[in-house]
Protein backbone atom coordinates (compact mmCIF):
# COMPACT_ATOMS: atom_id res chain seq x y z
CA MET A 1 -13.11 -8.32 -18.92
CA SER A 2 -11.40 -7.05 -15.91
CA LEU A 3 -12.83 -3.62 -16.25
CA LYS A 4 -16.25 -5.22 -16.58
CA GLU A 5 -15.61 -7.24 -13.60
CA ILE A 6 -14.79 -4.21 -11.12
CA LEU A 7 -17.56 -2.14 -12.43
CA LYS A 8 -19.84 -5.16 -11.81
CA PHE A 9 -18.69 -5.60 -8.33
CA ILE A 10 -19.25 -1.56 -7.69
CA GLN A 11 -22.61 -1.60 -9.49
CA ASP A 12 -24.27 -4.67 -8.00
CA GLY A 13 -24.00 -3.74 -4.49
CA SER A 14 -20.88 -5.55 -3.44
CA TYR A 15 -18.52 -2.53 -2.78
CA LEU A 16 -21.56 -1.22 -0.57
CA LYS A 17 -21.64 -4.39 1.15
CA LEU A 18 -18.02 -4.48 1.72
CA LYS A 19 -18.03 -1.05 3.32
CA GLN A 20 -20.98 -2.00 5.45
CA GLU A 21 -19.21 -5.16 6.76
CA GLU A 22 -16.17 -2.86 7.41
CA GLU A 23 -18.24 -0.59 9.66
CA LYS A 24 -19.88 -3.53 11.53
CA LEU A 25 -16.52 -4.86 12.29
CA TYR A 26 -15.37 -1.63 13.31
CA LEU A 27 -18.34 -1.43 15.74
CA LEU A 28 -18.39 -4.67 16.92
CA LYS A 29 -14.70 -4.57 17.91
CA ASN A 30 -15.17 -1.55 19.93
CA MET A 31 -18.02 -2.61 21.76
CA ILE A 32 -16.21 -6.01 22.45
CA ARG A 33 -13.04 -4.29 23.58
CA ALA A 34 -14.94 -1.90 25.89
CA GLU A 35 -16.87 -4.96 27.71
CA GLN A 36 -13.63 -7.01 27.83
CA ASP A 37 -12.00 -3.80 29.44
CA GLU A 38 -14.96 -3.70 31.82
CA LEU A 39 -14.20 -7.44 32.84
CA ASN A 40 -10.97 -6.55 33.61
CA LEU A 41 -9.65 -9.32 31.38
CA LYS A 42 -6.60 -9.15 29.39
CA ARG A 43 -7.19 -12.06 27.37
CA ILE A 44 -10.56 -14.22 26.48
CA VAL A 45 -10.88 -17.25 24.38
CA TRP A 46 -13.95 -17.84 22.68
CA LYS A 47 -13.25 -21.42 21.26
CA GLU A 48 -16.70 -21.97 19.63
CA HIS A 49 -16.09 -18.83 17.36
CA GLY A 50 -12.42 -19.15 16.86
CA VAL A 51 -11.81 -15.74 18.28
CA ILE A 52 -9.18 -14.55 20.92
CA GLY A 53 -9.87 -11.18 22.59
CA GLU A 54 -6.50 -9.93 23.92
CA PHE A 55 -4.94 -6.65 24.83
CA GLU A 56 -1.64 -6.02 23.77
CA THR A 57 0.74 -3.03 24.52
CA CYS A 58 1.16 -0.91 21.55
CA ARG A 59 4.00 1.76 22.17
CA GLN A 60 4.05 4.81 19.83
CA TYR A 61 6.99 7.01 19.46
CA SER A 62 7.89 10.27 17.80
CA TYR A 63 11.33 11.37 16.40
CA ASN A 64 12.99 14.18 14.97
CA HIS A 65 13.98 12.81 11.28
CA LEU A 66 16.97 15.08 11.07
CA ASP A 67 18.48 14.23 14.40
CA LEU A 68 17.96 10.65 13.66
CA ASN A 69 19.36 10.84 9.94
CA VAL A 70 22.56 12.69 11.87
CA LEU A 71 22.90 9.37 14.11
CA LEU A 72 22.65 7.10 11.17
CA LEU A 73 25.33 9.04 9.25
CA ASP A 74 27.70 8.88 12.34
CA LEU A 75 27.08 5.29 12.76
CA GLY A 76 27.63 4.69 8.91
CA ILE A 77 24.31 3.27 7.87
CA LEU A 78 22.37 6.30 6.76
CA HIS A 79 22.48 5.00 2.85
CA LEU A 80 21.26 1.69 4.20
CA ASN A 81 17.96 2.45 5.95
CA THR A 82 16.86 5.69 4.08
CA PHE A 83 15.37 7.23 0.73
CA VAL A 84 14.45 10.39 -0.71
CA ARG A 85 11.13 11.00 -2.05
CA SER A 86 10.56 12.92 -5.10
CA GLU A 87 7.72 15.03 -3.78
CA GLU A 88 10.26 16.51 -1.26
CA LEU A 89 12.63 17.80 -4.15
CA LEU A 90 12.82 20.78 -6.38
CA GLU A 91 12.03 20.22 -9.98
CA GLU A 92 15.91 20.94 -10.88
CA ASP A 93 16.88 18.32 -8.66
CA LYS A 94 14.50 15.92 -9.79
CA GLU A 95 15.92 16.51 -13.49
CA LYS A 96 19.35 15.76 -12.07
CA LEU A 97 18.07 12.39 -10.78
CA LYS A 98 15.75 11.35 -13.48
CA ASP A 99 18.04 8.62 -14.46
CA ILE A 100 18.39 6.84 -11.28
CA GLN A 101 14.74 6.92 -9.57
CA ILE A 102 13.07 4.09 -8.63
CA PRO A 103 9.55 4.25 -10.39
CA GLY A 104 6.60 4.43 -8.25
CA LYS A 105 4.25 1.61 -7.86
CA TYR A 106 0.67 1.79 -9.83
CA PHE A 107 -2.38 1.31 -7.99
CA LEU A 108 -6.20 1.53 -8.86
CA ARG A 109 -8.30 4.31 -7.07
CA PHE A 110 -11.98 4.06 -6.79
CA THR A 111 -13.50 7.51 -5.52
CA ALA A 112 -17.06 6.84 -4.72
CA SER A 113 -19.66 9.17 -5.84
CA ASN A 114 -21.72 11.29 -3.30
CA ASP A 115 -24.70 9.18 -3.69
CA LEU A 116 -22.72 5.94 -2.68
CA ARG A 117 -20.84 7.53 -0.21
CA ALA A 118 -24.35 9.01 1.57
CA GLN A 119 -25.40 5.30 1.29
CA ILE A 120 -22.25 3.95 3.25
CA SER A 121 -22.40 6.72 5.64
CA ASP A 122 -26.26 6.26 6.32
CA SER A 123 -25.58 2.44 7.00
CA GLN A 124 -26.71 2.00 10.45
CA TYR A 125 -25.91 -1.31 12.33
CA ASP A 126 -28.92 -2.78 14.40
CA PRO A 127 -28.96 -0.42 17.54
CA ASN A 128 -30.05 -3.46 19.79
CA LEU A 129 -26.51 -4.19 19.72
CA ASN A 130 -26.00 -2.73 23.16
CA ASN A 131 -28.71 -5.35 24.54
CA ILE A 132 -27.22 -8.60 23.55
CA ARG A 133 -24.63 -10.56 25.29
CA LEU A 134 -20.71 -10.30 24.86
CA ILE A 135 -20.83 -14.15 23.16
CA GLU A 136 -23.39 -12.98 20.75
CA LYS A 137 -21.43 -9.76 19.72
CA VAL A 138 -18.41 -12.04 19.00
CA ALA A 139 -20.48 -14.41 16.90
CA LEU A 140 -21.52 -11.46 14.95
CA TRP A 141 -18.11 -10.27 14.45
CA ARG A 142 -16.83 -13.64 13.37
CA GLU A 143 -19.96 -13.66 10.94
CA SER A 144 -19.38 -10.00 9.48
CA TYR A 145 -15.45 -10.84 9.73
CA ASN A 146 -16.06 -13.78 7.17
CA LYS A 147 -18.36 -11.79 4.79
CA PHE A 148 -15.57 -8.92 4.80
CA GLU A 149 -12.74 -11.18 4.03
CA LEU A 150 -14.38 -12.82 1.26
CA LEU A 151 -15.62 -9.25 -0.61
CA ASN A 152 -12.20 -7.68 0.22
CA ASN A 153 -10.12 -10.47 -1.27
CA HIS A 154 -12.64 -10.32 -4.32
CA TRP A 155 -12.08 -6.54 -4.65
CA LYS A 156 -8.34 -6.94 -4.26
CA LYS A 157 -8.31 -9.55 -7.09
CA VAL A 158 -10.53 -7.48 -9.59
CA ARG A 159 -8.44 -4.33 -9.10
CA LEU A 160 -4.95 -6.14 -9.50
CA LYS A 161 -6.70 -7.46 -12.87
CA VAL A 162 -7.22 -4.04 -13.95
CA LEU A 163 -3.57 -3.05 -13.28
CA GLU A 164 -2.13 -6.38 -15.06
CA SER A 165 -4.67 -5.44 -18.37
CA SER A 166 -4.68 -2.89 -20.95
CA ASP A 167 -8.34 -1.88 -20.01
CA CYS A 168 -7.02 1.41 -18.48
CA LYS A 169 -3.92 3.70 -18.97
CA LEU A 170 -2.21 5.69 -16.32
CA SER A 171 -3.99 8.90 -15.58
CA GLN A 172 -7.16 7.82 -17.59
CA LYS A 173 -10.27 8.17 -15.57
CA ILE A 174 -13.46 6.24 -15.87
CA ILE A 175 -16.44 8.03 -14.59
CA PHE A 176 -19.83 6.48 -14.26
CA THR A 177 -22.85 6.65 -12.07
CA CYS A 178 -21.03 5.11 -8.79
CA GLY A 179 -18.07 6.81 -9.02
CA THR A 180 -14.70 7.20 -10.71
CA LEU A 181 -11.73 4.89 -11.48
CA SER A 182 -8.04 5.91 -12.31
CA ILE A 183 -4.76 4.34 -12.20
CA VAL A 184 -2.52 6.42 -10.14
CA GLU A 185 1.21 6.21 -9.71
CA SER A 186 3.03 6.61 -6.47
CA PRO A 187 5.73 9.07 -6.11
CA ALA A 188 9.25 7.86 -7.20
CA ARG A 189 12.16 7.42 -4.61
CA TYR A 190 15.66 7.75 -4.69
CA ARG A 191 18.02 5.37 -3.11
CA THR A 192 20.24 7.70 -0.68
CA ASP A 193 23.62 6.26 -1.55
CA LYS A 194 22.75 7.08 -5.36
CA VAL A 195 22.05 10.87 -4.62
CA VAL A 196 24.29 11.76 -2.13
CA ASP A 197 27.11 12.77 -4.22
CA ILE A 198 24.77 14.55 -6.69
CA LEU A 199 22.50 16.65 -3.83
CA GLY A 200 25.27 16.85 -1.28
CA ILE A 201 24.93 15.46 2.39
CA GLU A 202 23.10 18.60 3.96
CA THR A 203 20.20 17.88 1.65
CA ILE A 204 20.26 14.38 2.19
CA LEU A 205 20.26 14.96 5.84
CA LYS A 206 17.34 17.14 5.52
CA LYS A 207 15.32 15.47 2.57
CA SER A 208 15.94 11.57 3.18
CA ARG A 209 13.33 9.56 5.29
CA VAL A 210 13.88 6.29 7.24
CA ASP A 211 12.57 3.24 5.68
CA GLN A 212 11.33 1.57 9.18
CA GLU A 213 11.31 -1.87 7.72
CA LYS A 214 14.74 -1.91 7.10
CA LEU A 215 15.85 0.01 10.18
């Protein structure tokens, strides 16, 4: 039943509507942001629509993971804040670690057909948007956001149902007119403290990656 639900969501046009609303949100957000920037206002509250437009400082940092790992090692917290990804290891190393790997997570991948991708790409939002007031753009954004959330929540639920059911098997592909469904497993990980004695500290410093949520 779960597989029928997800196929219905795609084939009845709901997936296309989801991607169209996503595109509308992107366009409207950029237009609203540009107009707010021109007004030189960092924060605007549109109470009637329950929307707040606020500019926030977003700092981005780059780092050398090897130098960072050395620092974490010197602090004695490398093993608490890092992991090793299986795709960065040699096959012989993976074989050594097969009994201590953290299994990857499963997720459902949908690859749209060329025809469906073309329909999504060709979805053009109303060009007259440039001629309407800012408050009207905000109202359209709220309307589109509500539609997107409804569709996206349903999309998440039906995908989760497929993963929880026995309708699909790992690596099995289901091909139909609108695209391809497949269940994919994310790469396995290894706890740094579990593999350091097996791979050696030099390898760990080069191969381990920081878990930014923990750090």
